[in-house]
Full PDB file with SEQRES, HELIX, SHEET, SSBOND, CRYST1, ORIGX, SCALE, CONECT and MASTER records, all heavy atoms in Angstrom:
SEQRES   1 A   40  VAL SER ASN MET ILE SER LYS TYR PHE ASN GLY GLU LEU          
SEQRES   2 A   40  LEU SER GLN GLY THR LEU LYS ASN ASP LEU ILE ASP SER          
SEQRES   3 A   40  CYS LEU LEU ALA ILE LYS ASN TYR GLN ILE VAL MET ASN          
SEQRES   4 A   40  ASN                                                          
HELIX    1 AA1 SER A    2  TYR A    8  1                                   7    
HELIX    2 AA2 ASP A   22  ASN A   39  1                                  18    
CRYST1    1.000    1.000    1.000  90.00  90.00  90.00 P 1           1          
ORIGX1      1.000000  0.000000  0.000000        0.00000                         
ORIGX2      0.000000  1.000000  0.000000        0.00000                         
ORIGX3      0.000000  0.000000  1.000000        0.00000                         
SCALE1      1.000000  0.000000  0.000000        0.00000                         
SCALE2      0.000000  1.000000  0.000000        0.00000                         
SCALE3      0.000000  0.000000  1.000000        0.00000                         
ATOM      1  N   VAL A   1     303.943 -56.052  34.993  1.00  0.00           N  
ATOM      2  CA  VAL A   1     303.017 -57.090  35.466  1.00  0.00           C  
ATOM      3  C   VAL A   1     303.753 -58.395  35.747  1.00  0.00           C  
ATOM      4  O   VAL A   1     303.565 -59.023  36.800  1.00  0.00           O  
ATOM      5  CB  VAL A   1     301.870 -57.307  34.451  1.00  0.00           C  
ATOM      6  CG1 VAL A   1     301.004 -58.500  34.865  1.00  0.00           C  
ATOM      7  CG2 VAL A   1     301.020 -56.042  34.347  1.00  0.00           C  
ATOM      8  N   SER A   2     304.625 -58.817  34.850  1.00  0.00           N  
ATOM      9  CA  SER A   2     305.360 -60.080  35.075  1.00  0.00           C  
ATOM     10  C   SER A   2     306.276 -59.951  36.297  1.00  0.00           C  
ATOM     11  O   SER A   2     306.419 -60.903  37.078  1.00  0.00           O  
ATOM     12  CB  SER A   2     306.155 -60.465  33.820  1.00  0.00           C  
ATOM     13  OG  SER A   2     307.078 -59.456  33.476  1.00  0.00           O  
ATOM     14  N   ASN A   3     306.873 -58.773  36.470  1.00  0.00           N  
ATOM     15  CA  ASN A   3     307.734 -58.561  37.641  1.00  0.00           C  
ATOM     16  C   ASN A   3     306.945 -58.643  38.940  1.00  0.00           C  
ATOM     17  O   ASN A   3     307.409 -59.241  39.932  1.00  0.00           O  
ATOM     18  CB  ASN A   3     308.424 -57.195  37.554  1.00  0.00           C  
ATOM     19  CG  ASN A   3     309.560 -57.191  36.546  1.00  0.00           C  
ATOM     20  OD1 ASN A   3     309.960 -58.244  36.043  1.00  0.00           O  
ATOM     21  ND2 ASN A   3     310.070 -56.013  36.233  1.00  0.00           N  
ATOM     22  N   MET A   4     305.746 -58.037  38.956  1.00  0.00           N  
ATOM     23  CA  MET A   4     304.945 -58.059  40.186  1.00  0.00           C  
ATOM     24  C   MET A   4     304.433 -59.455  40.511  1.00  0.00           C  
ATOM     25  O   MET A   4     304.401 -59.857  41.684  1.00  0.00           O  
ATOM     26  CB  MET A   4     303.784 -57.063  40.078  1.00  0.00           C  
ATOM     27  CG  MET A   4     304.222 -55.611  40.215  1.00  0.00           C  
ATOM     28  SD  MET A   4     302.867 -54.426  40.344  1.00  0.00           S  
ATOM     29  CE  MET A   4     302.256 -54.401  38.665  1.00  0.00           C  
ATOM     30  N   ILE A   5     304.049 -60.216  39.495  1.00  0.00           N  
ATOM     31  CA  ILE A   5     303.589 -61.594  39.750  1.00  0.00           C  
ATOM     32  C   ILE A   5     304.744 -62.431  40.273  1.00  0.00           C  
ATOM     33  O   ILE A   5     304.599 -63.224  41.208  1.00  0.00           O  
ATOM     34  CB  ILE A   5     302.995 -62.220  38.467  1.00  0.00           C  
ATOM     35  CG1 ILE A   5     301.726 -61.479  38.049  1.00  0.00           C  
ATOM     36  CG2 ILE A   5     302.668 -63.699  38.686  1.00  0.00           C  
ATOM     37  CD1 ILE A   5     301.174 -61.878  36.692  1.00  0.00           C  
ATOM     38  N   SER A   6     305.922 -62.226  39.690  1.00  0.00           N  
ATOM     39  CA  SER A   6     307.110 -62.948  40.135  1.00  0.00           C  
ATOM     40  C   SER A   6     307.459 -62.587  41.585  1.00  0.00           C  
ATOM     41  O   SER A   6     307.769 -63.469  42.405  1.00  0.00           O  
ATOM     42  CB  SER A   6     308.281 -62.612  39.209  1.00  0.00           C  
ATOM     43  OG  SER A   6     309.451 -63.273  39.607  1.00  0.00           O  
ATOM     44  N   LYS A   7     307.347 -61.316  41.886  1.00  0.00           N  
ATOM     45  CA  LYS A   7     307.729 -60.819  43.218  1.00  0.00           C  
ATOM     46  C   LYS A   7     306.691 -61.154  44.292  1.00  0.00           C  
ATOM     47  O   LYS A   7     307.023 -61.624  45.384  1.00  0.00           O  
ATOM     48  CB  LYS A   7     307.922 -59.308  43.136  1.00  0.00           C  
ATOM     49  CG  LYS A   7     308.369 -58.647  44.427  1.00  0.00           C  
ATOM     50  CD  LYS A   7     308.578 -57.157  44.191  1.00  0.00           C  
ATOM     51  CE  LYS A   7     308.989 -56.439  45.482  1.00  0.00           C  
ATOM     52  NZ  LYS A   7     309.162 -54.982  45.243  1.00  0.00           N  
ATOM     53  N   TYR A   8     305.403 -60.939  43.982  1.00  0.00           N  
ATOM     54  CA  TYR A   8     304.365 -61.061  45.009  1.00  0.00           C  
ATOM     55  C   TYR A   8     303.777 -62.460  45.143  1.00  0.00           C  
ATOM     56  O   TYR A   8     303.279 -62.825  46.208  1.00  0.00           O  
ATOM     57  CB  TYR A   8     303.228 -60.068  44.721  1.00  0.00           C  
ATOM     58  CG  TYR A   8     303.635 -58.616  44.700  1.00  0.00           C  
ATOM     59  CD1 TYR A   8     302.969 -57.696  43.897  1.00  0.00           C  
ATOM     60  CD2 TYR A   8     304.698 -58.142  45.484  1.00  0.00           C  
ATOM     61  CE1 TYR A   8     303.332 -56.357  43.870  1.00  0.00           C  
ATOM     62  CE2 TYR A   8     305.074 -56.801  45.455  1.00  0.00           C  
ATOM     63  CZ  TYR A   8     304.392 -55.918  44.653  1.00  0.00           C  
ATOM     64  OH  TYR A   8     304.752 -54.592  44.636  1.00  0.00           O  
ATOM     65  N   PHE A   9     303.819 -63.251  44.047  1.00  0.00           N  
ATOM     66  CA  PHE A   9     303.202 -64.583  44.101  1.00  0.00           C  
ATOM     67  C   PHE A   9     304.152 -65.688  43.650  1.00  0.00           C  
ATOM     68  O   PHE A   9     303.710 -66.744  43.200  1.00  0.00           O  
ATOM     69  CB  PHE A   9     301.923 -64.597  43.242  1.00  0.00           C  
ATOM     70  CG  PHE A   9     300.801 -63.777  43.833  1.00  0.00           C  
ATOM     71  CD1 PHE A   9     300.535 -62.500  43.356  1.00  0.00           C  
ATOM     72  CD2 PHE A   9     300.049 -64.252  44.896  1.00  0.00           C  
ATOM     73  CE1 PHE A   9     299.530 -61.720  43.908  1.00  0.00           C  
ATOM     74  CE2 PHE A   9     299.031 -63.491  45.450  1.00  0.00           C  
ATOM     75  CZ  PHE A   9     298.769 -62.220  44.959  1.00  0.00           C  
ATOM     76  N   ASN A  10     305.438 -65.397  43.766  1.00  0.00           N  
ATOM     77  CA  ASN A  10     306.446 -66.388  43.425  1.00  0.00           C  
ATOM     78  C   ASN A  10     306.270 -66.921  42.000  1.00  0.00           C  
ATOM     79  O   ASN A  10     306.503 -68.097  41.722  1.00  0.00           O  
ATOM     80  CB  ASN A  10     306.414 -67.553  44.435  1.00  0.00           C  
ATOM     81  CG  ASN A  10     307.703 -68.351  44.392  1.00  0.00           C  
ATOM     82  OD1 ASN A  10     308.759 -67.846  44.035  1.00  0.00           O  
ATOM     83  ND2 ASN A  10     307.604 -69.644  44.707  1.00  0.00           N  
ATOM     84  N   GLY A  11     305.771 -66.041  41.114  1.00  0.00           N  
ATOM     85  CA  GLY A  11     305.684 -66.386  39.692  1.00  0.00           C  
ATOM     86  C   GLY A  11     304.564 -67.315  39.314  1.00  0.00           C  
ATOM     87  O   GLY A  11     304.640 -67.974  38.267  1.00  0.00           O  
ATOM     88  N   GLU A  12     303.502 -67.378  40.117  1.00  0.00           N  
ATOM     89  CA  GLU A  12     302.397 -68.279  39.740  1.00  0.00           C  
ATOM     90  C   GLU A  12     301.067 -67.749  40.263  1.00  0.00           C  
ATOM     91  O   GLU A  12     300.915 -67.420  41.433  1.00  0.00           O  
ATOM     92  CB  GLU A  12     302.633 -69.691  40.286  1.00  0.00           C  
ATOM     93  CG  GLU A  12     301.654 -70.710  39.744  1.00  0.00           C  
ATOM     94  CD  GLU A  12     302.026 -72.139  40.125  1.00  0.00           C  
ATOM     95  OE1 GLU A  12     303.007 -72.317  40.879  1.00  0.00           O  
ATOM     96  OE2 GLU A  12     301.331 -73.059  39.671  1.00  0.00           O  
ATOM     97  N   LEU A  13     300.083 -67.667  39.344  1.00  0.00           N  
ATOM     98  CA  LEU A  13     298.731 -67.274  39.715  1.00  0.00           C  
ATOM     99  C   LEU A  13     297.871 -68.530  39.815  1.00  0.00           C  
ATOM    100  O   LEU A  13     297.950 -69.409  38.959  1.00  0.00           O  
ATOM    101  CB  LEU A  13     298.135 -66.338  38.653  1.00  0.00           C  
ATOM    102  CG  LEU A  13     298.846 -64.996  38.456  1.00  0.00           C  
ATOM    103  CD1 LEU A  13     298.315 -64.299  37.212  1.00  0.00           C  
ATOM    104  CD2 LEU A  13     298.675 -64.104  39.679  1.00  0.00           C  
ATOM    105  N   LEU A  14     297.056 -68.604  40.862  1.00  0.00           N  
ATOM    106  CA  LEU A  14     296.178 -69.755  41.074  1.00  0.00           C  
ATOM    107  C   LEU A  14     294.743 -69.353  40.764  1.00  0.00           C  
ATOM    108  O   LEU A  14     294.310 -68.250  41.107  1.00  0.00           O  
ATOM    109  CB  LEU A  14     296.280 -70.249  42.518  1.00  0.00           C  
ATOM    110  CG  LEU A  14     297.697 -70.623  42.990  1.00  0.00           C  
ATOM    111  CD1 LEU A  14     297.694 -70.984  44.464  1.00  0.00           C  
ATOM    112  CD2 LEU A  14     298.252 -71.783  42.156  1.00  0.00           C  
ATOM    113  N   SER A  15     294.021 -70.240  40.105  1.00  0.00           N  
ATOM    114  CA  SER A  15     292.658 -69.924  39.685  1.00  0.00           C  
ATOM    115  C   SER A  15     291.767 -69.606  40.880  1.00  0.00           C  
ATOM    116  O   SER A  15     291.742 -70.343  41.870  1.00  0.00           O  
ATOM    117  CB  SER A  15     292.063 -71.099  38.905  1.00  0.00           C  
ATOM    118  OG  SER A  15     290.754 -70.789  38.498  1.00  0.00           O  
ATOM    119  N   GLN A  16     291.049 -68.502  40.777  1.00  0.00           N  
ATOM    120  CA  GLN A  16     290.130 -68.106  41.855  1.00  0.00           C  
ATOM    121  C   GLN A  16     288.782 -67.695  41.272  1.00  0.00           C  
ATOM    122  O   GLN A  16     288.142 -66.756  41.730  1.00  0.00           O  
ATOM    123  CB  GLN A  16     290.727 -66.951  42.672  1.00  0.00           C  
ATOM    124  CG  GLN A  16     291.959 -67.362  43.464  1.00  0.00           C  
ATOM    125  CD  GLN A  16     292.513 -66.223  44.306  1.00  0.00           C  
ATOM    126  OE1 GLN A  16     292.064 -65.094  44.217  1.00  0.00           O  
ATOM    127  NE2 GLN A  16     293.498 -66.536  45.141  1.00  0.00           N  
ATOM    128  N   GLY A  17     288.369 -68.386  40.202  1.00  0.00           N  
ATOM    129  CA  GLY A  17     287.071 -68.088  39.601  1.00  0.00           C  
ATOM    130  C   GLY A  17     287.178 -67.076  38.475  1.00  0.00           C  
ATOM    131  O   GLY A  17     288.241 -66.505  38.208  1.00  0.00           O  
ATOM    132  N   THR A  18     286.054 -66.807  37.831  1.00  0.00           N  
ATOM    133  CA  THR A  18     286.012 -65.897  36.688  1.00  0.00           C  
ATOM    134  C   THR A  18     286.191 -64.449  37.125  1.00  0.00           C  
ATOM    135  O   THR A  18     285.557 -64.000  38.076  1.00  0.00           O  
ATOM    136  CB  THR A  18     284.668 -66.036  35.941  1.00  0.00           C  
ATOM    137  OG1 THR A  18     284.492 -67.404  35.544  1.00  0.00           O  
ATOM    138  CG2 THR A  18     284.646 -65.155  34.700  1.00  0.00           C  
ATOM    139  N   LEU A  19     287.071 -63.754  36.406  1.00  0.00           N  
ATOM    140  CA  LEU A  19     287.325 -62.345  36.702  1.00  0.00           C  
ATOM    141  C   LEU A  19     286.225 -61.478  36.085  1.00  0.00           C  
ATOM    142  O   LEU A  19     285.854 -61.651  34.927  1.00  0.00           O  
ATOM    143  CB  LEU A  19     288.676 -61.926  36.116  1.00  0.00           C  
ATOM    144  CG  LEU A  19     289.907 -62.683  36.630  1.00  0.00           C  
ATOM    145  CD1 LEU A  19     291.090 -62.431  35.709  1.00  0.00           C  
ATOM    146  CD2 LEU A  19     290.236 -62.270  38.052  1.00  0.00           C  
ATOM    147  N   LYS A  20     285.711 -60.547  36.892  1.00  0.00           N  
ATOM    148  CA  LYS A  20     284.676 -59.640  36.400  1.00  0.00           C  
ATOM    149  C   LYS A  20     284.979 -58.235  36.899  1.00  0.00           C  
ATOM    150  O   LYS A  20     284.918 -57.973  38.093  1.00  0.00           O  
ATOM    151  CB  LYS A  20     283.292 -60.078  36.877  1.00  0.00           C  
ATOM    152  CG  LYS A  20     282.799 -61.382  36.252  1.00  0.00           C  
ATOM    153  CD  LYS A  20     281.413 -61.746  36.742  1.00  0.00           C  
ATOM    154  CE  LYS A  20     280.943 -63.054  36.118  1.00  0.00           C  
ATOM    155  NZ  LYS A  20     279.598 -63.445  36.619  1.00  0.00           N  
ATOM    156  N   ASN A  21     285.335 -57.353  35.983  1.00  0.00           N  
ATOM    157  CA  ASN A  21     285.566 -55.948  36.312  1.00  0.00           C  
ATOM    158  C   ASN A  21     285.584 -55.132  35.021  1.00  0.00           C  
ATOM    159  O   ASN A  21     285.453 -55.681  33.924  1.00  0.00           O  
ATOM    160  CB  ASN A  21     286.863 -55.761  37.118  1.00  0.00           C  
ATOM    161  CG  ASN A  21     288.066 -56.364  36.413  1.00  0.00           C  
ATOM    162  OD1 ASN A  21     288.348 -56.042  35.264  1.00  0.00           O  
ATOM    163  ND2 ASN A  21     288.776 -57.261  37.098  1.00  0.00           N  
ATOM    164  N   ASP A  22     285.710 -53.835  35.144  1.00  0.00           N  
ATOM    165  CA  ASP A  22     285.635 -52.962  33.965  1.00  0.00           C  
ATOM    166  C   ASP A  22     286.736 -53.248  32.951  1.00  0.00           C  
ATOM    167  O   ASP A  22     286.517 -53.167  31.740  1.00  0.00           O  
ATOM    168  CB  ASP A  22     285.712 -51.487  34.397  1.00  0.00           C  
ATOM    169  CG  ASP A  22     284.441 -51.026  35.091  1.00  0.00           C  
ATOM    170  OD1 ASP A  22     283.436 -51.766  35.020  1.00  0.00           O  
ATOM    171  OD2 ASP A  22     284.461 -49.939  35.714  1.00  0.00           O  
ATOM    172  N   LEU A  23     287.936 -53.575  33.445  1.00  0.00           N  
ATOM    173  CA  LEU A  23     289.040 -53.839  32.517  1.00  0.00           C  
ATOM    174  C   LEU A  23     288.789 -55.134  31.741  1.00  0.00           C  
ATOM    175  O   LEU A  23     289.088 -55.215  30.547  1.00  0.00           O  
ATOM    176  CB  LEU A  23     290.373 -53.898  33.265  1.00  0.00           C  
ATOM    177  CG  LEU A  23     291.628 -54.025  32.378  1.00  0.00           C  
ATOM    178  CD1 LEU A  23     291.692 -52.910  31.333  1.00  0.00           C  
ATOM    179  CD2 LEU A  23     292.900 -54.020  33.219  1.00  0.00           C  
ATOM    180  N   ILE A  24     288.240 -56.129  32.395  1.00  0.00           N  
ATOM    181  CA  ILE A  24     287.880 -57.377  31.706  1.00  0.00           C  
ATOM    182  C   ILE A  24     286.813 -57.093  30.651  1.00  0.00           C  
ATOM    183  O   ILE A  24     286.890 -57.592  29.519  1.00  0.00           O  
ATOM    184  CB  ILE A  24     287.384 -58.446  32.710  1.00  0.00           C  
ATOM    185  CG1 ILE A  24     288.537 -58.923  33.602  1.00  0.00           C  
ATOM    186  CG2 ILE A  24     286.745 -59.626  31.967  1.00  0.00           C  
ATOM    187  CD1 ILE A  24     289.628 -59.700  32.889  1.00  0.00           C  
ATOM    188  N   ASP A  25     285.835 -56.270  30.999  1.00  0.00           N  
ATOM    189  CA  ASP A  25     284.799 -55.891  30.023  1.00  0.00           C  
ATOM    190  C   ASP A  25     285.426 -55.196  28.818  1.00  0.00           C  
ATOM    191  O   ASP A  25     285.065 -55.461  27.665  1.00  0.00           O  
ATOM    192  CB  ASP A  25     283.766 -54.956  30.676  1.00  0.00           C  
ATOM    193  CG  ASP A  25     282.895 -55.672  31.693  1.00  0.00           C  
ATOM    194  OD1 ASP A  25     282.866 -56.916  31.669  1.00  0.00           O  
ATOM    195  OD2 ASP A  25     282.251 -54.986  32.512  1.00  0.00           O  
ATOM    196  N   SER A  26     286.364 -54.295  29.079  1.00  0.00           N  
ATOM    197  CA  SER A  26     287.072 -53.595  27.993  1.00  0.00           C  
ATOM    198  C   SER A  26     287.845 -54.575  27.118  1.00  0.00           C  
ATOM    199  O   SER A  26     287.919 -54.420  25.888  1.00  0.00           O  
ATOM    200  CB  SER A  26     288.049 -52.557  28.567  1.00  0.00           C  
ATOM    201  OG  SER A  26     287.362 -51.522  29.202  1.00  0.00           O  
ATOM    202  N   CYS A  27     288.402 -55.576  27.748  1.00  0.00           N  
ATOM    203  CA  CYS A  27     289.193 -56.593  27.058  1.00  0.00           C  
ATOM    204  C   CYS A  27     288.312 -57.410  26.106  1.00  0.00           C  
ATOM    205  O   CYS A  27     288.661 -57.614  24.934  1.00  0.00           O  
ATOM    206  CB  CYS A  27     289.852 -57.504  28.094  1.00  0.00           C  
ATOM    207  SG  CYS A  27     291.096 -58.585  27.413  1.00  0.00           S  
ATOM    208  N   LEU A  28     287.168 -57.848  26.590  1.00  0.00           N  
ATOM    209  CA  LEU A  28     286.259 -58.652  25.774  1.00  0.00           C  
ATOM    210  C   LEU A  28     285.692 -57.823  24.623  1.00  0.00           C  
ATOM    211  O   LEU A  28     285.528 -58.320  23.505  1.00  0.00           O  
ATOM    212  CB  LEU A  28     285.129 -59.221  26.640  1.00  0.00           C  
ATOM    213  CG  LEU A  28     285.588 -60.172  27.762  1.00  0.00           C  
ATOM    214  CD1 LEU A  28     284.403 -60.608  28.608  1.00  0.00           C  
ATOM    215  CD2 LEU A  28     286.314 -61.389  27.186  1.00  0.00           C  
ATOM    216  N   LEU A  29     285.424 -56.551  24.890  1.00  0.00           N  
ATOM    217  CA  LEU A  29     284.939 -55.659  23.837  1.00  0.00           C  
ATOM    218  C   LEU A  29     286.030 -55.410  22.790  1.00  0.00           C  
ATOM    219  O   LEU A  29     285.743 -55.336  21.592  1.00  0.00           O  
ATOM    220  CB  LEU A  29     284.488 -54.325  24.451  1.00  0.00           C  
ATOM    221  CG  LEU A  29     283.857 -53.316  23.481  1.00  0.00           C  
ATOM    222  CD1 LEU A  29     282.574 -53.890  22.867  1.00  0.00           C  
ATOM    223  CD2 LEU A  29     283.568 -51.999  24.202  1.00  0.00           C  
ATOM    224  N   ALA A  30     287.273 -55.321  23.242  1.00  0.00           N  
ATOM    225  CA  ALA A  30     288.401 -55.122  22.322  1.00  0.00           C  
ATOM    226  C   ALA A  30     288.522 -56.290  21.343  1.00  0.00           C  
ATOM    227  O   ALA A  30     288.773 -56.081  20.146  1.00  0.00           O  
ATOM    228  CB  ALA A  30     289.698 -54.947  23.106  1.00  0.00           C  
ATOM    229  N   ILE A  31     288.350 -57.515  21.838  1.00  0.00           N  
ATOM    230  CA  ILE A  31     288.420 -58.702  20.965  1.00  0.00           C  
ATOM    231  C   ILE A  31     287.360 -58.604  19.875  1.00  0.00           C  
ATOM    232  O   ILE A  31     287.634 -58.816  18.683  1.00  0.00           O  
ATOM    233  CB  ILE A  31     288.232 -60.001  21.779  1.00  0.00           C  
ATOM    234  CG1 ILE A  31     289.365 -60.177  22.792  1.00  0.00           C  
ATOM    235  CG2 ILE A  31     288.159 -61.213  20.849  1.00  0.00           C  
ATOM    236  CD1 ILE A  31     289.129 -61.291  23.806  1.00  0.00           C  
ATOM    237  N   LYS A  32     286.155 -58.257  20.284  1.00  0.00           N  
ATOM    238  CA  LYS A  32     285.031 -58.154  19.345  1.00  0.00           C  
ATOM    239  C   LYS A  32     285.265 -57.048  18.317  1.00  0.00           C  
ATOM    240  O   LYS A  32     285.120 -57.263  17.105  1.00  0.00           O  
ATOM    241  CB  LYS A  32     283.747 -57.879  20.136  1.00  0.00           C  
ATOM    242  CG  LYS A  32     282.500 -57.772  19.289  1.00  0.00           C  
ATOM    243  CD  LYS A  32     281.290 -57.471  20.172  1.00  0.00           C  
ATOM    244  CE  LYS A  32     280.044 -57.230  19.323  1.00  0.00           C  
ATOM    245  NZ  LYS A  32     278.882 -56.868  20.178  1.00  0.00           N  
ATOM    246  N   ASN A  33     285.659 -55.869  18.777  1.00  0.00           N  
ATOM    247  CA  ASN A  33     285.864 -54.734  17.871  1.00  0.00           C  
ATOM    248  C   ASN A  33     287.058 -54.936  16.952  1.00  0.00           C  
ATOM    249  O   ASN A  33     287.056 -54.497  15.797  1.00  0.00           O  
ATOM    250  CB  ASN A  33     286.025 -53.438  18.673  1.00  0.00           C  
ATOM    251  CG  ASN A  33     284.718 -52.998  19.298  1.00  0.00           C  
ATOM    252  OD1 ASN A  33     283.645 -53.398  18.846  1.00  0.00           O  
ATOM    253  ND2 ASN A  33     284.784 -52.181  20.339  1.00  0.00           N  
ATOM    254  N   TYR A  34     288.091 -55.587  17.467  1.00  0.00           N  
ATOM    255  CA  TYR A  34     289.274 -55.911  16.658  1.00  0.00           C  
ATOM    256  C   TYR A  34     288.858 -56.754  15.451  1.00  0.00           C  
ATOM    257  O   TYR A  34     289.279 -56.483  14.318  1.00  0.00           O  
ATOM    258  CB  TYR A  34     290.279 -56.666  17.525  1.00  0.00           C  
ATOM    259  CG  TYR A  34     291.484 -57.235  16.813  1.00  0.00           C  
ATOM    260  CD1 TYR A  34     292.677 -56.522  16.751  1.00  0.00           C  
ATOM    261  CD2 TYR A  34     291.451 -58.505  16.222  1.00  0.00           C  
ATOM    262  CE1 TYR A  34     293.803 -57.051  16.116  1.00  0.00           C  
ATOM    263  CE2 TYR A  34     292.565 -59.044  15.588  1.00  0.00           C  
ATOM    264  CZ  TYR A  34     293.731 -58.314  15.536  1.00  0.00           C  
ATOM    265  OH  TYR A  34     294.841 -58.854  14.912  1.00  0.00           O  
ATOM    266  N   GLN A  35     288.039 -57.766  15.681  1.00  0.00           N  
ATOM    267  CA  GLN A  35     287.597 -58.619  14.580  1.00  0.00           C  
ATOM    268  C   GLN A  35     286.750 -57.849  13.574  1.00  0.00           C  
ATOM    269  O   GLN A  35     286.882 -58.049  12.364  1.00  0.00           O  
ATOM    270  CB  GLN A  35     286.818 -59.824  15.119  1.00  0.00           C  
ATOM    271  CG  GLN A  35     287.708 -60.846  15.819  1.00  0.00           C  
ATOM    272  CD  GLN A  35     286.922 -62.084  16.209  1.00  0.00           C  
ATOM    273  OE1 GLN A  35     286.292 -62.111  17.257  1.00  0.00           O  
ATOM    274  NE2 GLN A  35     286.940 -63.094  15.366  1.00  0.00           N  
ATOM    275  N   ILE A  36     285.902 -56.964  14.069  1.00  0.00           N  
ATOM    276  CA  ILE A  36     285.051 -56.176  13.168  1.00  0.00           C  
ATOM    277  C   ILE A  36     285.911 -55.334  12.222  1.00  0.00           C  
ATOM    278  O   ILE A  36     285.704 -55.343  11.004  1.00  0.00           O  
ATOM    279  CB  ILE A  36     284.094 -55.264  13.971  1.00  0.00           C  
ATOM    280  CG1 ILE A  36     283.031 -56.117  14.685  1.00  0.00           C  
ATOM    281  CG2 ILE A  36     283.426 -54.238  13.056  1.00  0.00           C  
ATOM    282  CD1 ILE A  36     282.189 -55.339  15.689  1.00  0.00           C  
ATOM    283  N   VAL A  37     286.892 -54.610  12.768  1.00  0.00           N  
ATOM    284  CA  VAL A  37     287.694 -53.728  11.908  1.00  0.00           C  
ATOM    285  C   VAL A  37     288.669 -54.515  11.033  1.00  0.00           C  
ATOM    286  O   VAL A  37     288.925 -54.129   9.889  1.00  0.00           O  
ATOM    287  CB  VAL A  37     288.426 -52.624  12.715  1.00  0.00           C  
ATOM    288  CG1 VAL A  37     287.425 -51.704  13.391  1.00  0.00           C  
ATOM    289  CG2 VAL A  37     289.397 -53.194  13.714  1.00  0.00           C  
ATOM    290  N   MET A  38     289.198 -55.612  11.533  1.00  0.00           N  
ATOM    291  CA  MET A  38     290.084 -56.428  10.689  1.00  0.00           C  
ATOM    292  C   MET A  38     289.307 -57.076   9.550  1.00  0.00           C  
ATOM    293  O   MET A  38     289.837 -57.243   8.444  1.00  0.00           O  
ATOM    294  CB  MET A  38     290.807 -57.483  11.526  1.00  0.00           C  
ATOM    295  CG  MET A  38     291.970 -56.937  12.326  1.00  0.00           C  
ATOM    296  SD  MET A  38     293.338 -56.295  11.309  1.00  0.00           S  
ATOM    297  CE  MET A  38     294.306 -57.786  11.057  1.00  0.00           C  
ATOM    298  N   ASN A  39     288.058 -57.436   9.790  1.00  0.00           N  
ATOM    299  CA  ASN A  39     287.228 -57.979   8.710  1.00  0.00           C  
ATOM    300  C   ASN A  39     286.948 -56.922   7.651  1.00  0.00           C  
ATOM    301  O   ASN A  39     286.617 -57.248   6.512  1.00  0.00           O  
ATOM    302  CB  ASN A  39     285.910 -58.529   9.273  1.00  0.00           C  
ATOM    303  CG  ASN A  39     286.115 -59.840  10.020  1.00  0.00           C  
ATOM    304  OD1 ASN A  39     287.102 -60.538   9.803  1.00  0.00           O  
ATOM    305  ND2 ASN A  39     285.203 -60.174  10.906  1.00  0.00           N  
ATOM    306  N   ASN A  40     287.100 -55.654   8.028  1.00  0.00           N  
ATOM    307  CA  ASN A  40     286.984 -54.550   7.070  1.00  0.00           C  
ATOM    308  C   ASN A  40     288.354 -54.063   6.588  1.00  0.00           C  
ATOM    309  O   ASN A  40     288.459 -52.996   5.975  1.00  0.00           O  
ATOM    310  CB  ASN A  40     286.219 -53.384   7.705  1.00  0.00           C  
ATOM    311  CG  ASN A  40     284.740 -53.682   7.825  1.00  0.00           C  
ATOM    312  OD1 ASN A  40     284.141 -54.251   6.924  1.00  0.00           O  
ATOM    313  ND2 ASN A  40     284.140 -53.327   8.947  1.00  0.00           N  
TER     314      ASN A  40                                                      
MASTER        0    0    0    2    0    0    0    6  313    1    0    4          
END                                                                             
């Protein structure tokens, strides 16, 4: 990922609004579930 950003966008991402897709949903769910199991 770092190589592709460096290669395709000269190493910089510019804000283009809130990201919404299945992987983002998985990411937000991972944060929540991580806290649940670590609290246990």
